[in-house]
Amino acid sequence: MRVFLYEWVTGGGLVEQSGSLPQSLLVEGATMLAALAADFNAIDDTQVVVLKDIRLDDLPLPACEVVEIHSDSHHREEFEQLAAEADHTLVIAPETDNVLHRTHGMARSAGARLLAPDEAFVRLTSDKHAMALHFERTGVPVPESILLDADQEKLPSDFVYPGVVKPVYGAGSQNTLLVSSARDEPPPYPWPRRLERYYAGTSASVSFLCGPAHRTALPACRQHLTTDGRFSYTGGALLQDEELTKRATTLAAQALDALPAALGYVGVDLVLGKAADGSEDVVIEVNPRMTTSYVGLRAATNDNLAAAMIENAAGRIVSPTFSKEPLDFLADGTIRNSGGLQ
């Protein structure tokens, strides 16, 4: 079996962009790439091929076939050829500027067999505002919100603050910030943004391995976010509280029930409020792609999550088993558990 594993930042998506690569996306992208490459390579008779931006020297991918990319045209040529030839293609890319949707489109045009949700799912969930409006119509709880125009300088005075300003198409907390009142002046942004009400509580995520007619929920994770008003993701931990886990999994499943059918790996981000009955819980966004939680989840099981993803995508229900021991993980892939660092 041949697997084309493509990560946008490390794989040449920005090869002709001057300056340094976006650090947070680079770290998380490289972390997911390395974890998935190791898991796919552990499947018998499997060869993993990846693209690598020629500027990246420190990108260890043992046992992978690595193709160095030196230009945009070379990137597209190699991407299309590898996507067409592979038995499975998995894309890791941000929703920012519709990159994920466009990359999936390029793969499908090449005839790729994508381990990914279909176009309708990706298009809807990549647009954070359209997705939230869809959830409102279908009864899924989300923060109250309004749309801000591109380069809008003033915040509305009739909104319930504090709030969170974020790009309509975004990922990795890029250009996301907390605002306390209409008097705040967030930096101008050349594309539309979403202003949503800030909800205090436990930031959590639930990931699913999705098949044609089923999905398998993985353990809920607590998200570690910075407290500087930027909500930068620094890692996570397996959620230990059983009631919070139940609430998170139930709400995440409700969100997916309201969306088109998915395939592959999907993550749902939530905030679990203080009310024990879950009445203050909200869905923040749905990630139609691999998330950094994968690095923690794979460390909590002796099963191969990449193999389970392939099996579930083929319609064969496979439910990996997980340890209930406490486990923390960092965005760079470092694992911290009761035994210390790994």
Protein backbone atom coordinates (compact mmCIF):
# COMPACT_ATOMS: atom_id res chain seq x y z
CA MET A 1 0.00 0.00 0.00
CA ARG A 2 1.26 3.46 -0.88
CA VAL A 3 0.17 6.47 1.21
CA PHE A 4 0.70 10.07 0.13
CA LEU A 5 0.88 12.10 3.33
CA TYR A 6 0.81 15.82 2.60
CA GLU A 7 1.26 18.64 5.13
CA TRP A 8 0.83 22.09 3.59
CA VAL A 9 3.40 24.18 5.55
CA THR A 10 6.23 21.63 5.51
CA GLY A 11 5.27 20.20 2.13
CA GLY A 12 5.91 23.22 -0.07
CA GLY A 13 2.60 25.06 0.09
CA LEU A 14 4.54 28.24 0.89
CA VAL A 15 7.76 27.39 -0.95
CA GLU A 16 7.90 30.69 -2.86
CA GLN A 17 6.74 32.87 0.02
CA SER A 18 9.53 35.08 1.32
CA GLY A 19 10.40 35.21 5.00
CA SER A 20 10.02 32.56 7.65
CA LEU A 21 7.22 30.03 7.73
CA PRO A 22 4.37 30.67 10.26
CA GLN A 23 5.83 29.23 13.44
CA SER A 24 2.77 27.82 15.20
CA LEU A 25 1.41 26.19 12.05
CA LEU A 26 4.90 24.87 11.26
CA VAL A 27 5.34 23.27 14.69
CA GLU A 28 1.90 21.66 14.78
CA GLY A 29 2.07 20.62 11.14
CA ALA A 30 5.47 18.97 11.54
CA THR A 31 4.27 17.24 14.69
CA MET A 32 1.19 15.76 13.02
CA LEU A 33 3.19 14.80 9.95
CA ALA A 34 5.79 12.89 11.98
CA ALA A 35 3.16 11.10 14.08
CA LEU A 36 1.09 10.03 11.09
CA ALA A 37 4.13 9.01 9.07
CA ALA A 38 5.27 6.73 11.90
CA ASP A 39 1.81 5.15 12.21
CA PHE A 40 1.28 4.62 8.49
CA ASN A 41 4.79 3.17 8.13
CA ALA A 42 4.00 0.71 10.93
CA ILE A 43 1.29 -0.88 8.76
CA ASP A 44 2.61 -3.97 6.98
CA ASP A 45 3.70 -3.48 3.37
CA THR A 46 3.09 0.28 3.43
CA GLN A 47 5.26 2.97 1.85
CA VAL A 48 4.70 6.59 2.89
CA VAL A 49 5.70 9.42 0.55
CA VAL A 50 5.81 13.07 1.60
CA LEU A 51 6.73 16.44 0.10
CA LYS A 52 9.25 18.70 1.86
CA ASP A 53 9.90 22.41 1.43
CA ILE A 54 13.56 22.56 0.37
CA ARG A 55 14.23 25.24 3.01
CA LEU A 56 13.48 22.84 5.89
CA ASP A 57 16.59 21.06 7.08
CA ASP A 58 15.28 19.63 10.35
CA LEU A 59 12.33 17.46 9.35
CA PRO A 60 13.15 13.88 10.36
CA LEU A 61 10.89 11.41 8.56
CA PRO A 62 12.58 8.01 8.81
CA ALA A 63 11.36 5.29 6.45
CA CYS A 64 9.51 7.84 4.28
CA GLU A 65 10.14 8.61 0.65
CA VAL A 66 10.78 12.37 0.73
CA VAL A 67 10.43 14.58 -2.35
CA GLU A 68 12.01 18.03 -1.95
CA ILE A 69 10.01 20.92 -3.40
CA HIS A 70 11.74 23.98 -4.83
CA SER A 71 8.98 25.98 -6.61
CA ASP A 72 5.22 26.38 -6.88
CA SER A 73 5.11 24.65 -10.26
CA HIS A 74 7.22 21.76 -8.95
CA HIS A 75 4.93 21.55 -5.91
CA ARG A 76 1.79 21.22 -8.01
CA GLU A 77 3.38 18.73 -10.41
CA GLU A 78 4.60 16.41 -7.66
CA PHE A 79 1.42 16.78 -5.60
CA GLU A 80 -0.85 15.80 -8.50
CA GLN A 81 1.32 12.86 -9.53
CA LEU A 82 1.65 11.43 -6.03
CA ALA A 83 -2.05 11.95 -5.25
CA ALA A 84 -2.99 10.12 -8.44
CA GLU A 85 -0.67 7.17 -7.74
CA ALA A 86 -1.33 6.62 -4.02
CA ASP A 87 -3.76 4.10 -2.59
CA HIS A 88 -4.65 6.71 0.06
CA THR A 89 -4.00 10.45 0.30
CA LEU A 90 -4.26 12.38 3.55
CA VAL A 91 -4.03 16.18 3.51
CA ILE A 92 -3.09 18.29 6.55
CA ALA A 93 -3.75 21.96 5.78
CA PRO A 94 -5.34 24.96 7.51
CA GLU A 95 -8.72 26.42 6.62
CA THR A 96 -7.01 29.84 6.39
CA ASP A 97 -7.74 31.55 3.07
CA ASN A 98 -9.59 28.38 2.00
CA VAL A 99 -6.28 26.49 1.69
CA LEU A 100 -7.73 23.19 2.89
CA HIS A 101 -10.68 23.33 0.49
CA ARG A 102 -8.46 24.25 -2.47
CA THR A 103 -5.92 21.54 -1.66
CA HIS A 104 -8.63 18.90 -1.40
CA GLY A 105 -9.95 20.12 -4.75
CA MET A 106 -6.51 19.76 -6.33
CA ALA A 107 -6.23 16.23 -4.94
CA ARG A 108 -9.67 15.20 -6.19
CA SER A 109 -8.96 16.64 -9.63
CA ALA A 110 -5.88 14.42 -9.77
CA GLY A 111 -7.98 11.37 -8.93
CA ALA A 112 -6.83 10.99 -5.31
CA ARG A 113 -8.51 8.56 -2.95
CA LEU A 114 -8.79 11.00 -0.07
CA LEU A 115 -9.01 10.06 3.59
CA ALA A 116 -11.14 13.14 4.17
CA PRO A 117 -14.70 14.46 4.37
CA ASP A 118 -16.39 15.33 1.09
CA GLU A 119 -16.39 18.76 -0.52
CA ALA A 120 -19.71 19.88 1.01
CA PHE A 121 -18.49 19.09 4.54
CA VAL A 122 -15.14 20.84 4.08
CA ARG A 123 -16.67 23.90 2.40
CA LEU A 124 -19.25 24.41 5.17
CA THR A 125 -16.98 23.80 8.16
CA SER A 126 -14.11 25.88 6.74
CA ASP A 127 -16.40 28.94 6.82
CA LYS A 128 -16.69 29.43 10.59
CA HIS A 129 -19.57 31.89 10.32
CA ALA A 130 -21.63 29.88 7.82
CA MET A 131 -21.15 26.79 9.98
CA ALA A 132 -22.29 28.62 13.12
CA LEU A 133 -25.42 29.91 11.36
CA HIS A 134 -26.12 26.36 10.16
CA PHE A 135 -25.80 25.08 13.72
CA GLU A 136 -28.17 27.78 14.99
CA ARG A 137 -30.77 26.64 12.46
CA THR A 138 -30.35 22.98 13.42
CA GLY A 139 -30.39 23.46 17.19
CA VAL A 140 -26.69 22.97 17.95
CA PRO A 141 -25.58 25.46 20.65
CA VAL A 142 -22.95 27.95 19.46
CA PRO A 143 -21.84 31.37 20.73
CA GLU A 144 -23.95 34.33 19.65
CA SER A 145 -22.13 36.17 16.89
CA ILE A 146 -22.10 38.77 14.16
CA LEU A 147 -20.02 39.20 11.03
CA LEU A 148 -17.48 42.03 10.81
CA ASP A 149 -16.62 43.49 7.43
CA ALA A 150 -13.08 43.37 6.05
CA ASP A 151 -10.93 46.13 7.57
CA GLN A 152 -13.75 47.15 9.93
CA GLU A 153 -12.07 49.29 12.59
CA LYS A 154 -14.84 49.81 15.15
CA LEU A 155 -16.55 47.10 17.15
CA PRO A 156 -20.34 47.23 17.51
CA SER A 157 -21.65 48.86 20.68
CA ASP A 158 -24.76 46.68 20.93
CA PHE A 159 -22.89 43.35 21.26
CA VAL A 160 -22.67 41.41 24.54
CA TYR A 161 -19.01 41.52 25.61
CA PRO A 162 -16.49 40.06 26.27
CA GLY A 163 -16.13 38.62 22.80
CA VAL A 164 -13.69 36.80 20.55
CA VAL A 165 -12.68 38.16 17.15
CA LYS A 166 -11.51 35.51 14.69
CA PRO A 167 -11.14 35.08 10.92
CA VAL A 168 -14.05 33.51 9.07
CA TYR A 169 -11.48 31.23 7.44
CA GLY A 170 -8.81 30.46 9.98
CA ALA A 171 -6.91 27.80 11.93
CA GLY A 172 -4.51 27.51 14.82
CA SER A 173 -5.86 30.62 16.62
CA GLN A 174 -4.18 32.79 13.98
CA ASN A 175 -5.42 36.43 14.25
CA THR A 176 -7.78 35.47 17.08
CA LEU A 177 -8.10 37.72 20.11
CA LEU A 178 -10.25 38.52 23.12
CA VAL A 179 -12.03 41.89 23.20
CA SER A 180 -13.53 43.26 26.41
CA SER A 181 -15.75 46.02 25.03
CA ALA A 182 -16.64 48.07 21.96
CA ARG A 183 -13.84 50.44 22.94
CA ASP A 184 -11.21 47.84 22.08
CA GLU A 185 -9.51 48.34 18.73
CA PRO A 186 -8.28 45.04 17.24
CA PRO A 187 -5.75 45.38 14.42
CA PRO A 188 -7.33 45.76 10.97
CA TYR A 189 -7.79 42.56 9.00
CA PRO A 190 -8.26 42.53 5.21
CA TRP A 191 -10.90 39.77 5.23
CA PRO A 192 -14.24 39.33 7.02
CA ARG A 193 -14.10 38.31 10.66
CA ARG A 194 -16.49 36.78 13.14
CA LEU A 195 -17.20 38.40 16.50
CA GLU A 196 -18.59 35.81 18.87
CA ARG A 197 -19.51 35.95 22.52
CA TYR A 198 -16.80 34.68 24.85
CA TYR A 199 -17.79 31.65 26.91
CA ALA A 200 -15.81 30.78 30.02
CA GLY A 201 -15.32 27.12 30.84
CA THR A 202 -13.26 24.09 29.91
CA SER A 203 -11.89 24.16 26.38
CA ALA A 204 -12.17 20.65 24.98
CA SER A 205 -12.09 18.66 21.77
CA VAL A 206 -13.48 15.35 20.58
CA SER A 207 -12.10 13.59 17.52
CA PHE A 208 -13.85 10.96 15.42
CA LEU A 209 -12.79 8.28 12.96
CA CYS A 210 -15.57 8.46 10.37
CA GLY A 211 -16.81 5.82 7.96
CA PRO A 212 -19.44 5.87 5.21
CA ALA A 213 -22.30 5.13 7.63
CA HIS A 214 -20.77 5.33 11.12
CA ARG A 215 -18.25 7.14 13.27
CA THR A 216 -16.07 6.12 16.20
CA ALA A 217 -15.54 8.68 18.96
CA LEU A 218 -12.04 8.94 20.44
CA PRO A 219 -11.43 10.07 24.05
CA ALA A 220 -12.24 13.70 24.77
CA CYS A 221 -9.26 15.99 25.36
CA ARG A 222 -8.84 19.16 27.37
CA GLN A 223 -7.18 21.93 25.37
CA HIS A 224 -4.40 24.03 26.85
CA LEU A 225 -4.69 27.60 25.53
CA THR A 226 -2.67 30.68 26.42
CA THR A 227 -4.28 33.21 28.75
CA ASP A 228 -2.95 36.30 26.96
CA GLY A 229 -6.16 36.85 25.01
CA ARG A 230 -4.77 35.13 21.90
CA PHE A 231 -5.97 31.58 22.66
CA SER A 232 -2.80 30.05 21.23
CA TYR A 233 -2.84 26.27 21.45
CA THR A 234 0.00 24.81 23.52
CA GLY A 235 -1.16 21.22 23.88
CA GLY A 236 -3.75 19.19 25.68
CA ALA A 237 -4.59 16.34 28.02
CA LEU A 238 -6.96 13.42 28.15
CA LEU A 239 -10.10 14.66 29.89
CA GLN A 240 -10.36 12.77 33.18
CA ASP A 241 -13.75 13.95 34.46
CA GLU A 242 -16.36 11.40 33.37
CA GLU A 243 -19.27 13.84 33.32
CA LEU A 244 -17.35 16.41 31.29
CA THR A 245 -16.26 13.66 28.91
CA LYS A 246 -19.85 12.52 28.44
CA ARG A 247 -21.05 16.09 27.81
CA ALA A 248 -18.25 16.77 25.35
CA THR A 249 -18.80 13.57 23.37
CA THR A 250 -22.59 14.01 23.26
CA LEU A 251 -22.38 17.61 22.04
CA ALA A 252 -19.66 16.82 19.48
CA ALA A 253 -21.79 13.99 18.09
CA GLN A 254 -24.78 16.35 17.91
CA ALA A 255 -22.68 18.75 15.84
CA LEU A 256 -21.67 16.03 13.38
CA ASP A 257 -25.28 14.84 13.14
CA ALA A 258 -26.15 18.29 11.78
CA LEU A 259 -23.48 18.17 9.06
CA PRO A 260 -23.06 16.22 5.82
CA ALA A 261 -21.54 12.76 6.21
CA ALA A 262 -17.81 12.75 6.89
CA LEU A 263 -14.96 10.38 6.13
CA GLY A 264 -11.58 10.05 7.80
CA TYR A 265 -10.56 12.10 10.85
CA VAL A 266 -12.66 15.01 12.12
CA GLY A 267 -12.27 17.10 15.30
CA VAL A 268 -14.84 19.17 17.16
CA ASP A 269 -13.79 22.01 19.49
CA LEU A 270 -16.08 22.98 22.36
CA VAL A 271 -16.33 24.97 25.56
CA LEU A 272 -17.93 23.15 28.48
CA GLY A 273 -19.56 25.68 30.78
CA LYS A 274 -20.00 25.66 34.54
CA ALA A 275 -23.59 24.39 34.51
CA ALA A 276 -23.59 20.69 35.41
CA ASP A 277 -26.52 20.01 33.09
CA GLY A 278 -24.52 21.19 30.05
CA SER A 279 -26.83 24.11 29.34
CA GLU A 280 -23.85 26.44 28.96
CA ASP A 281 -21.86 24.15 26.64
CA VAL A 282 -21.20 25.41 23.09
CA VAL A 283 -19.55 24.20 19.92
CA ILE A 284 -16.74 26.52 18.85
CA GLU A 285 -15.77 24.97 15.52
CA VAL A 286 -15.44 21.75 13.56
CA ASN A 287 -12.08 20.82 12.03
CA PRO A 288 -12.53 18.86 8.79
CA ARG A 289 -8.96 17.55 9.02
CA MET A 290 -6.32 16.09 11.26
CA THR A 291 -5.79 17.95 14.57
CA THR A 292 -2.87 18.07 16.98
CA SER A 293 -4.87 16.00 19.49
CA TYR A 294 -3.80 13.02 17.37
CA VAL A 295 -0.34 13.08 18.95
CA GLY A 296 -1.80 12.66 22.42
CA LEU A 297 -4.43 10.12 21.44
CA ARG A 298 -1.91 7.87 19.68
CA ALA A 299 0.21 7.86 22.85
CA ALA A 300 -2.76 6.68 24.92
CA THR A 301 -3.39 3.52 22.90
CA ASN A 302 -1.47 0.44 21.82
CA ASP A 303 -3.54 0.35 18.64
CA ASN A 304 -2.53 2.07 15.41
CA LEU A 305 -4.85 5.03 14.86
CA ALA A 306 -3.79 5.46 11.23
CA ALA A 307 -4.69 1.85 10.49
CA ALA A 308 -7.99 2.31 12.35
CA MET A 309 -8.72 5.41 10.26
CA ILE A 310 -8.25 3.44 7.03
CA GLU A 311 -10.44 0.60 8.30
CA ASN A 312 -13.24 2.92 9.40
CA ALA A 313 -13.10 4.85 6.13
CA ALA A 314 -13.58 1.53 4.33
CA GLY A 315 -16.73 0.88 6.36
CA ARG A 316 -15.23 -1.60 8.81
CA ILE A 317 -15.96 -0.45 12.36
CA VAL A 318 -12.76 -0.45 14.38
CA SER A 319 -12.75 1.04 17.89
CA PRO A 320 -9.25 1.42 19.36
CA THR A 321 -8.87 0.92 23.11
CA PHE A 322 -7.32 3.64 25.25
CA SER A 323 -5.61 3.86 28.61
CA LYS A 324 -7.40 5.85 31.29
CA GLU A 325 -4.14 7.00 32.85
CA PRO A 326 -3.54 10.78 32.91
CA LEU A 327 -1.65 12.00 29.88
CA ASP A 328 -0.64 15.48 28.77
CA PHE A 329 0.88 16.45 25.44
CA LEU A 330 2.47 19.57 23.97
CA ALA A 331 1.91 21.06 20.54
CA ASP A 332 5.40 19.92 19.51
CA GLY A 333 4.54 16.28 20.19
CA THR A 334 6.16 15.94 23.62
CA ILE A 335 4.18 13.51 25.80
CA ARG A 336 3.89 14.02 29.55
CA ASN A 337 2.28 11.34 31.71
CA SER A 338 2.60 9.88 35.17
CA GLY A 339 6.00 8.53 34.16
CA GLY A 340 7.35 11.93 33.08
CA LEU A 341 8.39 13.21 29.67
CA GLN A 342 8.61 11.04 26.55
